[in-house]
Amino acid sequence: MLPAYRTIKQTGEIKLEINKSLFLGYASPAETEEAALTFIQDIKKRHKEANHNCSAYVIGQHGQSQKADDDGEPSGTAGRPILEVINKSAVKNAVIVVTRYFGGIKLGTGGLIRAYTKATVDSLNAAIIVEKQLHIRLVIEINYHLLGTVENQLRLKNFPIEGKEFSDIVKIIALARKGDEDKLLQLVADCTAAQAVVQPIGEIYLDAFS
């Protein structure tokens, strides 16, 4: 798994007029191809009267699944420019739809490529982009009298606490960025006099934090 990747957190929408044609751009997160296709269909339903609803998506941390659709525009003038912008931006798990209402003036091959490229760039600029960082989930098992000390030290050193479980002992679920696990282990050992048991229990991507 990648230590980090960029993705869309919040959808961006734009409106652009070029030579009397109206272009509406939508950039949205999509964790799966199914989610991307659903988003595309939703935009098509919203703009049934539009001449074209062109789209592209990139799914997977390595961009394993990619697809572009010209939706009736000349081949290579719409879907591919949208896809190229997504890839150049290094954004993953993203889908973009650019809707066009034809205004009566033909733009030509170059004009279409420039128009769809600009609409895509503007859509991404309007969206909220975040970096997702890989974190290791660790369970820390301690006695009750150590709970306050461990919690305070974790927060002081910016190790998020995901949750706690209480039984005959306390289990704290803490998160460490990939590569920082040893720092967390040392921190817990120091503040508990090595009385804690710490074990990794999985991985999760979270928004980057300082």
Protein backbone atom coordinates (compact mmCIF):
# COMPACT_ATOMS: atom_id res chain seq x y z
CA MET A 1 0.00 0.00 0.00
CA LEU A 2 1.19 3.52 -0.78
CA PRO A 3 2.26 5.62 2.23
CA ALA A 4 0.09 8.46 0.89
CA TYR A 5 -2.04 9.56 -2.05
CA ARG A 6 -4.12 12.58 -3.10
CA THR A 7 -7.87 12.42 -3.52
CA ILE A 8 -11.02 14.55 -3.55
CA LYS A 9 -12.64 15.13 -0.16
CA GLN A 10 -15.50 17.39 -1.26
CA THR A 11 -17.11 17.71 -4.68
CA GLY A 12 -16.27 20.73 -6.81
CA GLU A 13 -18.68 22.27 -9.34
CA ILE A 14 -18.05 24.97 -11.95
CA LYS A 15 -19.81 26.77 -14.79
CA LEU A 16 -17.98 27.95 -17.89
CA GLU A 17 -19.14 29.56 -21.13
CA ILE A 18 -17.01 29.25 -24.26
CA ASN A 19 -18.26 30.56 -27.62
CA LYS A 20 -21.87 30.34 -26.42
CA SER A 21 -21.52 26.71 -25.30
CA LEU A 22 -22.15 26.16 -21.59
CA PHE A 23 -19.81 23.75 -19.81
CA LEU A 24 -20.66 22.45 -16.34
CA GLY A 25 -17.93 20.58 -14.49
CA TYR A 26 -18.28 18.18 -11.57
CA ALA A 27 -15.35 16.62 -9.69
CA SER A 28 -16.21 14.03 -7.05
CA PRO A 29 -14.57 11.32 -4.92
CA ALA A 30 -15.22 7.69 -5.90
CA GLU A 31 -13.75 4.74 -4.03
CA THR A 32 -14.92 2.17 -6.60
CA GLU A 33 -15.82 1.94 -10.28
CA GLU A 34 -19.43 1.36 -9.25
CA ALA A 35 -19.43 4.63 -7.31
CA ALA A 36 -17.89 6.47 -10.27
CA LEU A 37 -20.46 5.07 -12.71
CA THR A 38 -23.30 5.94 -10.33
CA PHE A 39 -22.07 9.53 -10.10
CA ILE A 40 -21.83 9.78 -13.90
CA GLN A 41 -25.38 8.47 -14.29
CA ASP A 42 -26.66 10.92 -11.67
CA ILE A 43 -25.18 13.84 -13.61
CA LYS A 44 -26.64 12.52 -16.86
CA LYS A 45 -30.08 12.32 -15.25
CA ARG A 46 -29.70 15.87 -13.93
CA HIS A 47 -28.79 17.14 -17.40
CA LYS A 48 -30.99 15.07 -19.69
CA GLU A 49 -31.28 17.95 -22.16
CA ALA A 50 -27.52 18.46 -22.46
CA ASN A 51 -25.80 17.60 -25.73
CA HIS A 52 -22.95 15.78 -24.01
CA ASN A 53 -22.02 14.48 -20.56
CA CYS A 54 -18.36 13.54 -20.98
CA SER A 55 -16.47 11.85 -18.19
CA ALA A 56 -13.40 10.09 -16.88
CA TYR A 57 -12.38 8.41 -13.67
CA VAL A 58 -9.27 7.01 -11.98
CA ILE A 59 -9.78 4.38 -9.29
CA GLY A 60 -7.15 2.77 -7.07
CA GLN A 61 -4.06 4.11 -5.33
CA HIS A 62 -2.00 3.21 -8.39
CA GLY A 63 -4.72 4.24 -10.85
CA GLN A 64 -5.42 0.62 -11.72
CA SER A 65 -8.88 1.35 -13.17
CA GLN A 66 -9.22 4.22 -15.63
CA LYS A 67 -11.86 5.05 -18.19
CA ALA A 68 -12.76 8.00 -20.41
CA ASP A 69 -15.99 8.64 -22.32
CA ASP A 70 -16.46 11.23 -25.10
CA ASP A 71 -20.27 10.79 -24.99
CA GLY A 72 -20.77 11.76 -28.61
CA GLU A 73 -18.04 14.37 -28.96
CA PRO A 74 -15.37 13.63 -31.62
CA SER A 75 -13.08 10.83 -30.48
CA GLY A 76 -10.33 11.98 -28.14
CA THR A 77 -11.62 15.55 -27.70
CA ALA A 78 -13.40 15.22 -24.36
CA GLY A 79 -12.97 12.07 -22.28
CA ARG A 80 -9.23 11.76 -22.88
CA PRO A 81 -8.45 15.41 -21.98
CA ILE A 82 -10.46 14.96 -18.77
CA LEU A 83 -8.53 11.79 -17.93
CA GLU A 84 -5.18 13.42 -18.69
CA VAL A 85 -5.90 16.28 -16.29
CA ILE A 86 -6.84 13.83 -13.53
CA ASN A 87 -3.61 11.89 -14.03
CA LYS A 88 -1.44 15.01 -14.21
CA SER A 89 -2.97 16.22 -10.94
CA ALA A 90 -1.99 12.88 -9.31
CA VAL A 91 -5.48 12.58 -7.82
CA LYS A 92 -6.77 9.05 -7.24
CA ASN A 93 -10.25 7.66 -6.57
CA ALA A 94 -11.79 10.53 -8.49
CA VAL A 95 -14.46 10.97 -11.16
CA ILE A 96 -15.12 14.06 -13.27
CA VAL A 97 -18.07 14.80 -15.53
CA VAL A 98 -18.15 17.78 -17.88
CA THR A 99 -21.60 18.56 -19.26
CA ARG A 100 -21.94 20.60 -22.46
CA TYR A 101 -24.93 22.52 -23.73
CA PHE A 102 -24.11 23.35 -27.36
CA GLY A 103 -24.42 27.05 -28.13
CA GLY A 104 -24.47 26.88 -31.91
CA ILE A 105 -20.80 27.56 -32.63
CA LYS A 106 -18.52 24.62 -33.40
CA LEU A 107 -15.25 24.72 -31.47
CA GLY A 108 -13.20 22.37 -33.64
CA THR A 109 -10.92 19.62 -32.37
CA GLY A 110 -8.41 21.92 -30.68
CA GLY A 111 -11.12 24.11 -29.22
CA LEU A 112 -12.93 21.14 -27.72
CA ILE A 113 -9.76 19.77 -26.15
CA ARG A 114 -8.96 23.16 -24.63
CA ALA A 115 -12.52 23.63 -23.39
CA TYR A 116 -12.79 20.22 -21.71
CA THR A 117 -9.29 20.58 -20.28
CA LYS A 118 -10.11 23.96 -18.74
CA ALA A 119 -13.44 22.75 -17.36
CA THR A 120 -11.68 19.80 -15.73
CA VAL A 121 -8.89 21.92 -14.25
CA ASP A 122 -11.43 24.39 -12.89
CA SER A 123 -13.54 21.56 -11.42
CA LEU A 124 -10.55 20.14 -9.56
CA ASN A 125 -9.61 23.62 -8.33
CA ALA A 126 -13.15 24.02 -7.00
CA ALA A 127 -13.01 20.69 -5.17
CA ILE A 128 -11.34 20.14 -1.81
CA ILE A 129 -8.26 17.97 -2.35
CA VAL A 130 -6.64 16.15 0.56
CA GLU A 131 -3.70 13.85 1.08
CA LYS A 132 -4.57 10.47 2.55
CA GLN A 133 -1.80 9.00 4.70
CA LEU A 134 -1.45 5.36 5.63
CA HIS A 135 -1.76 4.77 9.39
CA ILE A 136 -1.14 1.69 11.48
CA ARG A 137 -3.82 0.82 14.04
CA LEU A 138 -2.34 -0.43 17.31
CA VAL A 139 -4.03 -1.76 20.43
CA ILE A 140 -2.37 -0.75 23.71
CA GLU A 141 -3.25 -2.94 26.70
CA ILE A 142 -2.64 -1.31 30.09
CA ASN A 143 -3.83 -1.33 33.68
CA TYR A 144 -6.35 1.32 34.72
CA HIS A 145 -3.92 3.42 36.75
CA LEU A 146 -1.89 4.10 33.57
CA LEU A 147 -4.83 5.28 31.44
CA GLY A 148 -4.53 9.01 32.10
CA THR A 149 -0.77 9.06 31.58
CA VAL A 150 -0.88 7.12 28.31
CA GLU A 151 -3.78 9.16 26.90
CA ASN A 152 -2.05 12.44 27.71
CA GLN A 153 1.23 11.35 26.14
CA LEU A 154 -0.46 10.07 22.97
CA ARG A 155 -2.30 13.36 22.50
CA LEU A 156 0.80 15.39 23.33
CA LYS A 157 2.77 13.58 20.61
CA ASN A 158 -0.09 13.72 18.06
CA PHE A 159 -0.98 10.03 18.00
CA PRO A 160 -4.78 9.96 17.46
CA ILE A 161 -6.90 7.76 19.71
CA GLU A 162 -9.53 5.86 17.75
CA GLY A 163 -11.28 4.27 20.70
CA LYS A 164 -11.09 2.55 24.09
CA GLU A 165 -12.35 -0.73 25.50
CA PHE A 166 -12.78 -1.45 29.19
CA SER A 167 -12.73 -4.85 30.90
CA ASP A 168 -10.29 -6.13 33.52
CA ILE A 169 -7.74 -4.01 31.64
CA VAL A 170 -7.96 -1.00 29.34
CA LYS A 171 -7.41 -1.29 25.60
CA ILE A 172 -6.59 1.91 23.72
CA ILE A 173 -6.78 1.86 19.92
CA ALA A 174 -4.18 4.37 18.72
CA LEU A 175 -3.04 5.41 15.25
CA ALA A 176 0.48 6.00 14.01
CA ARG A 177 1.50 7.16 10.57
CA LYS A 178 3.29 4.46 8.59
CA GLY A 179 6.92 4.68 9.66
CA ASP A 180 6.13 6.21 13.07
CA GLU A 181 5.15 2.95 14.79
CA ASP A 182 8.48 2.69 16.61
CA LYS A 183 8.03 6.19 18.03
CA LEU A 184 4.65 5.20 19.45
CA LEU A 185 6.06 1.96 20.87
CA GLN A 186 8.91 3.84 22.55
CA LEU A 187 6.54 6.50 23.91
CA VAL A 188 4.26 3.90 25.48
CA ALA A 189 7.19 1.95 26.89
CA ASP A 190 8.65 5.09 28.46
CA CYS A 191 5.43 6.30 30.11
CA THR A 192 4.39 2.86 31.40
CA ALA A 193 7.81 1.56 32.47
CA ALA A 194 7.38 -1.13 29.79
CA GLN A 195 4.21 -2.44 31.46
CA ALA A 196 2.02 -2.14 28.34
CA VAL A 197 1.37 -4.69 25.62
CA VAL A 198 1.15 -3.14 22.14
CA GLN A 199 0.11 -4.98 18.99
CA PRO A 200 -0.68 -3.82 15.43
CA ILE A 201 -4.22 -4.72 14.33
CA GLY A 202 -4.55 -3.25 10.86
CA GLU A 203 -4.06 -0.32 8.52
CA ILE A 204 -6.24 2.62 7.54
CA TYR A 205 -5.96 5.75 5.38
CA LEU A 206 -6.70 9.06 7.09
CA ASP A 207 -6.56 12.70 6.03
CA ALA A 208 -3.08 14.08 6.57
CA PHE A 209 -2.56 16.01 9.77
CA SER A 210 0.41 17.87 11.14
